[in-house]
Protein backbone atom coordinates (compact mmCIF):
# COMPACT_ATOMS: atom_id res chain seq x y z
CA MET A 1 197.83 -52.08 30.58
CA ASN A 2 195.69 -50.85 27.57
CA PRO A 3 197.15 -52.46 23.97
CA ILE A 4 196.39 -50.23 22.20
CA VAL A 5 197.81 -48.17 18.77
CA HIS A 6 196.11 -44.69 18.21
CA GLY A 7 197.53 -41.33 17.81
CA ASP A 8 200.96 -40.83 17.15
CA GLY A 9 201.69 -43.98 18.15
CA VAL A 10 200.32 -45.70 14.78
CA GLY A 11 203.31 -44.15 13.15
CA TYR A 12 205.79 -45.74 15.72
CA TYR A 13 204.26 -48.57 15.66
CA ALA A 14 204.47 -49.24 11.75
CA TYR A 15 207.82 -48.74 11.65
CA ALA A 16 208.03 -52.26 13.58
CA ARG A 17 204.65 -53.76 12.22
CA ALA A 18 205.28 -52.83 8.28
CA PRO A 19 208.60 -54.92 7.89
CA LEU A 20 207.82 -58.16 10.19
CA ILE A 21 204.56 -58.92 8.54
CA GLN A 22 204.95 -56.97 4.94
CA HIS A 23 208.27 -56.72 4.82
CA ASN A 24 208.41 -53.23 3.18
CA LEU A 25 208.17 -49.69 4.68
CA ARG A 26 204.65 -48.60 2.89
CA PHE A 27 202.40 -47.47 5.44
CA GLU A 28 199.39 -48.06 3.71
CA GLU A 29 198.17 -50.25 6.11
CA ASP A 30 198.87 -48.95 9.13
CA TRP A 31 197.25 -45.84 8.32
CA ARG A 32 194.53 -47.37 7.13
CA HIS A 33 193.56 -49.40 10.62
CA ALA A 34 194.74 -46.51 12.68
CA ASN A 35 191.79 -45.16 14.99
CA LEU A 36 188.96 -43.11 13.05
CA TYR A 37 190.46 -39.38 13.69
CA PHE A 38 194.41 -40.06 12.37
CA SER A 39 192.65 -42.62 9.66
CA GLN A 40 189.84 -39.85 9.05
CA THR A 41 192.64 -37.21 8.26
CA ARG A 42 194.73 -39.13 5.87
CA THR A 43 192.74 -40.76 3.83
CA LEU A 44 189.52 -40.27 1.22
CA SER A 45 186.34 -41.32 1.28
CA ASN A 46 187.01 -44.18 -0.97
CA GLY A 47 189.31 -45.97 1.93
CA GLU A 48 192.49 -44.80 -0.45
CA LEU A 49 195.22 -42.71 1.28
CA ARG A 50 194.93 -38.60 0.13
CA PRO A 51 198.38 -38.24 -2.39
CA ASP A 52 199.57 -35.44 0.34
CA GLU A 53 200.21 -38.63 2.23
CA TYR A 54 202.81 -39.48 -0.49
CA THR A 55 206.31 -38.75 -0.17
CA GLN A 56 208.38 -38.11 -3.54
CA THR A 57 209.11 -41.71 -3.43
CA GLY A 58 205.82 -42.75 -3.44
CA TYR A 59 205.87 -44.20 -0.46
CA VAL A 60 203.49 -42.92 2.69
CA GLY A 61 206.18 -40.19 4.85
CA ASN A 62 206.11 -41.04 8.66
CA LEU A 63 207.42 -38.24 10.39
CA PHE A 64 207.28 -40.02 13.43
CA SER A 65 210.85 -41.83 14.58
CA ILE A 66 211.65 -45.55 14.78
CA GLY A 67 213.47 -45.64 17.99
CA PRO A 68 210.65 -47.14 19.66
CA ALA A 69 209.77 -49.54 16.85
CA LEU A 70 213.40 -50.93 17.40
CA LEU A 71 212.76 -51.66 20.89
CA TRP A 72 209.26 -53.55 20.30
CA THR A 73 210.53 -55.44 17.56
CA PRO A 74 212.16 -58.43 20.23
CA PHE A 75 208.67 -58.72 21.70
CA LEU A 76 206.93 -58.44 18.45
CA LEU A 77 209.00 -61.30 17.13
CA ALA A 78 208.06 -63.46 19.71
CA ALA A 79 204.42 -62.67 19.12
CA HIS A 80 204.58 -62.88 15.63
CA LEU A 81 206.28 -66.79 15.98
CA THR A 82 203.63 -67.60 18.69
CA VAL A 83 200.95 -66.60 16.20
CA LEU A 84 202.48 -68.35 13.54
CA LEU A 85 202.74 -71.31 15.50
CA ALA A 86 198.87 -71.13 17.13
CA ASP A 87 197.95 -71.14 13.28
CA ALA A 88 199.75 -74.17 12.70
CA LEU A 89 198.07 -76.15 15.37
CA GLY A 90 194.56 -75.26 14.35
CA ALA A 91 194.11 -71.61 15.97
CA HIS A 92 192.86 -68.94 13.86
CA ILE A 93 194.70 -65.85 14.93
CA PRO A 94 195.93 -63.48 12.20
CA ALA A 95 199.07 -63.21 11.83
CA ASP A 96 198.70 -59.16 9.98
CA GLY A 97 200.51 -57.30 13.22
CA PHE A 98 197.33 -55.72 14.43
CA SER A 99 195.34 -58.72 16.05
CA SER A 100 195.59 -58.61 20.19
CA PRO A 101 199.10 -61.17 20.61
CA TYR A 102 200.62 -58.15 18.35
CA LEU A 103 198.95 -55.50 20.54
CA LEU A 104 199.92 -56.89 23.93
CA ALA A 105 203.70 -57.87 22.95
CA MET A 106 204.41 -54.29 22.20
CA ALA A 107 202.41 -53.15 25.30
CA LEU A 108 204.34 -55.16 27.46
CA GLY A 109 207.64 -54.39 25.77
CA THR A 110 207.02 -50.65 26.69
CA ALA A 111 206.54 -51.52 30.33
CA PHE A 112 209.52 -53.74 30.14
CA TYR A 113 211.35 -50.91 28.69
CA GLY A 114 209.76 -48.21 31.51
CA PHE A 115 210.38 -50.88 34.74
CA LEU A 116 214.26 -51.30 33.04
CA GLY A 117 214.29 -47.50 33.03
CA LEU A 118 213.20 -46.72 36.73
CA LEU A 119 215.36 -49.55 37.72
CA PHE A 120 218.76 -48.41 35.95
CA SER A 121 217.53 -45.14 37.75
CA TYR A 122 217.48 -46.61 40.87
CA SER A 123 221.22 -48.27 40.78
CA LEU A 124 222.43 -45.02 39.60
CA ALA A 125 221.09 -42.89 42.79
CA LYS A 126 222.28 -45.45 45.19
CA LYS A 127 225.84 -44.92 44.15
CA TYR A 128 224.67 -41.25 45.48
CA VAL A 129 222.63 -41.96 48.39
CA GLU A 130 220.92 -44.05 50.79
CA GLU A 131 220.07 -47.31 49.47
CA ARG A 132 216.16 -46.33 51.28
CA TRP A 133 216.75 -42.57 49.93
CA ALA A 134 217.61 -43.46 45.74
CA PHE A 135 214.33 -46.64 46.48
CA LEU A 136 211.93 -43.12 47.28
CA ALA A 137 213.63 -40.54 45.02
CA THR A 138 212.35 -43.84 41.98
CA LEU A 139 208.86 -44.24 43.11
CA GLY A 140 208.60 -39.95 43.15
CA VAL A 141 209.93 -40.26 39.33
CA TRP A 142 207.63 -43.14 38.55
CA GLY A 143 204.42 -42.01 40.53
CA ALA A 144 204.95 -37.56 39.97
CA SER A 145 205.86 -38.29 36.13
CA SER A 146 203.47 -38.88 32.93
CA LEU A 147 205.57 -42.26 33.07
CA PRO A 148 203.39 -44.51 34.58
CA VAL A 149 200.34 -43.26 31.32
CA TYR A 150 203.22 -43.79 29.06
CA MET A 151 203.51 -47.37 30.18
CA TYR A 152 200.24 -48.60 31.10
CA PHE A 153 197.33 -46.33 29.31
CA ASN A 154 199.50 -45.29 26.12
CA PRO A 155 202.11 -47.35 25.34
CA ALA A 156 202.31 -47.30 21.57
CA TRP A 157 203.19 -43.40 22.08
CA SER A 158 206.48 -42.07 22.75
CA THR A 159 207.53 -38.66 24.77
CA ARG A 160 209.26 -37.41 21.75
CA THR A 161 207.38 -35.10 19.60
CA PRO A 162 207.30 -36.28 15.94
CA LEU A 163 209.82 -33.68 13.15
CA SER A 164 207.51 -31.12 11.31
CA PRO A 165 206.78 -31.43 7.46
């Protein structure tokens, strides 16, 4: 697994991180903590976000969908509670949504839902064909598609394209 948030994943992940950590939908920190290419195209040289990143309401415009964040939320809640407990016991893990436990939880969530989708596909297929063929077809879908890339290499990315501005 590659527990990293970059590219489009920044926008998807922000919908989970900002409410959990900041208790709001202000995505400035997500945009600033993003990978270099993402943040450079959205910030000024002084680190402030470009004015055109804000909507008329004063919030950062996030054109990515909220769906992945909703699915990651149970995993991120568990990570957040674990980090808070570990910190209470003397650990020094940043409870900021950017540290390793959060990213690992997001990546595990993605892998879990990908596996769940394969399991549902297998269950449906075996209603129509012999079990072995359903299993082989499920392996074929997993191995011959981009699913492993999204499950393991880019877990913060979605196969859905963001809305146009």
